[in-house]
Protein backbone atom coordinates (compact mmCIF):
# COMPACT_ATOMS: atom_id res chain seq x y z
CA MET A 1 1.79 -21.51 31.16
CA ASP A 2 1.62 -23.19 27.61
CA VAL A 3 3.91 -21.92 24.60
CA GLY A 4 0.60 -20.78 22.46
CA PHE A 5 -0.43 -18.46 25.12
CA ALA A 6 3.16 -17.08 25.72
CA ARG A 7 3.54 -16.61 21.66
CA ASP A 8 0.21 -14.81 21.94
CA LEU A 9 1.85 -12.23 24.29
CA TYR A 10 4.65 -11.84 22.46
CA PHE A 11 3.40 -11.09 19.36
CA ARG A 12 0.38 -8.93 20.74
CA GLU A 13 3.46 -6.60 22.10
CA PHE A 14 5.31 -6.88 18.72
CA GLU A 15 1.89 -5.25 16.83
CA ALA A 16 1.90 -2.97 19.66
CA LYS A 17 5.28 -1.56 18.90
CA ALA A 18 4.39 -1.15 15.07
CA GLN A 19 1.54 0.84 16.34
CA GLN A 20 3.69 2.95 18.20
CA ASP A 21 6.29 3.36 15.35
CA ALA A 22 3.52 4.62 13.50
CA ARG A 23 2.29 7.07 15.55
CA ILE A 24 5.75 9.09 14.84
CA SER A 25 4.74 9.70 11.24
CA VAL A 26 1.64 11.22 12.61
CA HIS A 27 3.07 13.82 15.11
CA VAL A 28 5.46 14.73 12.64
CA ALA A 29 2.78 15.84 9.99
CA LEU A 30 0.77 17.43 12.90
CA LEU A 31 3.87 19.13 14.01
CA SER A 32 4.80 20.35 10.75
CA ALA A 33 1.27 21.91 9.86
CA VAL A 34 1.17 23.41 13.40
CA GLY A 35 4.81 25.01 12.88
CA GLY A 36 3.61 26.20 9.36
CA VAL A 37 0.72 27.89 11.04
CA LEU A 38 2.73 29.26 13.72
CA ALA A 39 5.03 30.89 11.34
CA PHE A 40 2.15 32.39 9.43
CA LEU A 41 0.63 33.95 12.63
CA ILE A 42 4.06 35.42 13.40
CA ARG A 43 4.83 36.83 10.22
CA SER A 44 1.36 38.13 9.80
CA ALA A 45 1.23 40.20 13.11
CA TRP A 46 4.96 41.20 13.05
CA PRO A 47 5.80 44.11 13.62
CA GLY A 48 2.78 44.38 16.25
CA GLN A 49 1.60 47.64 15.15
CA THR A 50 -1.87 47.37 16.90
CA PRO A 51 -2.91 46.12 20.22
CA TRP A 52 -4.62 43.16 18.19
CA CYS A 53 -1.42 42.59 16.55
CA ARG A 54 0.69 42.62 19.82
CA ALA A 55 -1.44 40.21 21.60
CA SER A 56 -1.38 37.85 18.77
CA LEU A 57 2.42 38.08 18.73
CA VAL A 58 2.14 37.11 22.39
CA PHE A 59 -0.21 34.09 22.07
CA SER A 60 2.20 32.99 19.02
CA PHE A 61 5.29 33.02 20.92
CA VAL A 62 3.99 31.76 24.22
CA SER A 63 2.88 28.65 21.81
CA VAL A 64 6.46 28.21 20.37
CA VAL A 65 7.20 26.65 23.89
CA PRO A 66 4.56 24.10 23.81
CA TYR A 67 5.37 23.30 20.38
CA PHE A 68 9.22 22.60 21.06
CA LEU A 69 8.24 20.26 24.11
CA ALA A 70 5.69 18.51 21.81
CA ILE A 71 8.63 17.80 19.41
CA VAL A 72 11.03 16.49 22.19
CA TRP A 73 8.40 14.30 23.53
CA ALA A 74 7.55 12.73 20.34
CA LEU A 75 11.40 12.48 20.11
CA ARG A 76 11.72 10.92 22.99
CA GLY A 77 8.76 8.42 22.19
CA THR A 78 11.09 7.31 19.28
CA VAL A 79 14.54 7.25 20.47
CA GLY A 80 16.16 4.87 23.12
CA PHE A 81 14.13 1.88 22.84
CA THR A 82 15.39 -1.60 22.61
CA TYR A 83 12.93 -4.41 22.03
CA GLU A 84 13.60 -8.20 22.88
CA LYS A 85 13.48 -10.72 20.28
CA LEU A 86 13.59 -14.42 20.42
CA PRO A 87 16.50 -16.17 19.82
CA SER A 88 17.44 -16.64 15.99
CA PRO A 89 15.85 -19.99 14.50
CA ASP A 90 19.45 -21.21 13.75
CA ASN A 91 19.85 -21.04 17.91
CA LEU A 92 16.50 -22.47 18.42
CA LEU A 93 17.50 -25.27 16.61
CA ALA A 94 20.83 -25.75 17.67
CA TYR A 95 19.11 -25.57 21.33
CA SER A 96 16.74 -28.15 20.29
CA LYS A 97 19.08 -30.45 19.02
CA GLY A 98 21.27 -30.01 21.85
CA LEU A 99 18.57 -30.92 24.17
CA ALA A 100 17.60 -34.19 22.33
CA ARG A 101 20.88 -35.14 22.29
CA TYR A 102 21.28 -34.57 26.16
CA TYR A 103 18.22 -36.74 26.47
CA ARG A 104 19.35 -39.80 24.22
CA GLU A 105 22.88 -39.69 25.95
CA ASN A 106 21.17 -39.76 29.52
CA PRO A 107 18.23 -42.00 29.35
CA GLY A 108 17.88 -42.34 33.08
CA ILE A 109 17.21 -38.65 33.48
CA SER A 110 13.57 -37.47 34.29
CA GLY A 111 12.10 -35.11 31.58
CA SER A 112 12.04 -34.96 27.93
CA ALA A 113 13.63 -32.73 25.42
CA SER A 114 10.49 -31.43 24.42
CA ALA A 115 9.26 -30.39 27.50
CA ASP A 116 12.70 -28.61 28.37
CA PHE A 117 12.03 -27.15 24.97
CA GLU A 118 8.81 -25.68 25.46
CA ASP A 119 9.83 -24.14 28.94
CA PHE A 120 12.74 -22.71 27.12
CA LEU A 121 10.33 -20.93 24.73
CA VAL A 122 7.71 -19.77 27.34
CA ARG A 123 10.59 -18.41 29.36
CA HIS A 124 11.98 -16.54 26.12
CA PHE A 125 8.48 -15.39 24.83
CA SER A 126 7.54 -14.12 28.74
CA SER A 127 10.70 -12.52 29.07
CA ALA A 128 10.46 -10.40 25.36
CA ALA A 129 7.00 -9.77 25.93
CA THR A 130 7.26 -8.15 29.51
CA ARG A 131 10.14 -6.07 28.11
CA ASN A 132 8.45 -5.32 24.92
CA GLY A 133 5.18 -4.23 26.99
CA ARG A 134 7.23 -1.86 29.28
CA ASN A 135 8.55 -0.32 26.10
CA ASN A 136 5.29 0.44 24.41
CA LEU A 137 3.60 1.71 27.67
CA ALA A 138 6.61 4.04 27.91
CA ARG A 139 6.33 4.96 24.26
CA SER A 140 2.59 5.55 24.48
CA ALA A 141 2.93 7.60 27.49
CA ARG A 142 5.39 9.90 25.79
CA PHE A 143 3.51 10.17 22.59
CA TYR A 144 0.38 11.15 24.69
CA ARG A 145 2.24 13.79 26.55
CA ALA A 146 3.36 15.16 23.15
CA GLY A 147 -0.48 15.20 21.92
CA GLN A 148 -1.00 17.05 24.98
CA PHE A 149 1.48 19.90 24.32
CA LEU A 150 0.25 19.62 20.70
CA LEU A 151 -3.38 20.44 21.72
CA TRP A 152 -1.76 23.61 23.59
CA VAL A 153 -0.52 25.04 21.05
CA VAL A 154 -3.65 24.56 18.78
CA VAL A 155 -5.56 26.28 21.48
CA LEU A 156 -2.98 29.14 21.88
CA SER A 157 -2.74 29.54 18.08
CA ALA A 158 -6.38 29.53 17.57
CA ILE A 159 -6.29 32.60 20.23
CA ALA A 160 -3.40 34.29 18.30
CA GLY A 161 -5.50 34.01 14.77
CA LEU A 162 -8.56 35.26 16.65
CA CYS A 163 -6.34 38.46 17.51
CA LEU A 164 -5.46 38.98 14.06
CA ALA A 165 -8.86 38.55 12.57
CA LEU A 166 -10.18 40.98 15.33
CA ASN A 167 -7.66 43.00 13.64
CA GLN A 168 -8.89 43.10 10.44
CA VAL A 169 -12.39 42.98 11.19
CA LEU A 170 -12.83 45.84 13.96
CA PRO A 171 -11.60 48.94 11.91
CA VAL A 172 -13.95 47.79 9.09
CA LEU A 173 -16.66 47.52 11.84
CA VAL A 174 -15.78 50.51 13.24
CA SER A 175 -15.40 52.80 9.90
CA ARG A 176 -18.97 51.37 9.12
CA GLY A 177 -20.66 52.78 12.23
CA ALA A 178 -18.95 56.14 12.10
């Protein structure tokens, strides 16, 4: 593997990290909006004096469970990941100079400082890209799971909202038909 390819892999995973980092803001916005809707639905149906209000309360309270699970999975997709970076430029320079000095002091040794330094870079790029790639896959899976829970919250909240709408519309329709 050459240095250019290894470098491209490394930076591809760092770009994917930035994408994962941006996903939390979308989840926070969605969870905030959906939480507000849930609060509105529960407040509107409380104290549940009609069968439709009670049904709305049931669906609203059931949707609170996947809502909190979505929060947990979004947090799990954010917290606890350590990304690997290359050594600092100072360390890279010191290592490069050390290799050059070693080969100057030992002229009979086969190989070259530049080849050894490229090998060093390839190993570090590959190691970091591998670890960072695993982190990105794990984070992506957790955000995906949070999205699935959020979808269930939306579906259950829509049913709760439909029950509230029926609670308002059915008495009007019944009184017009009578």
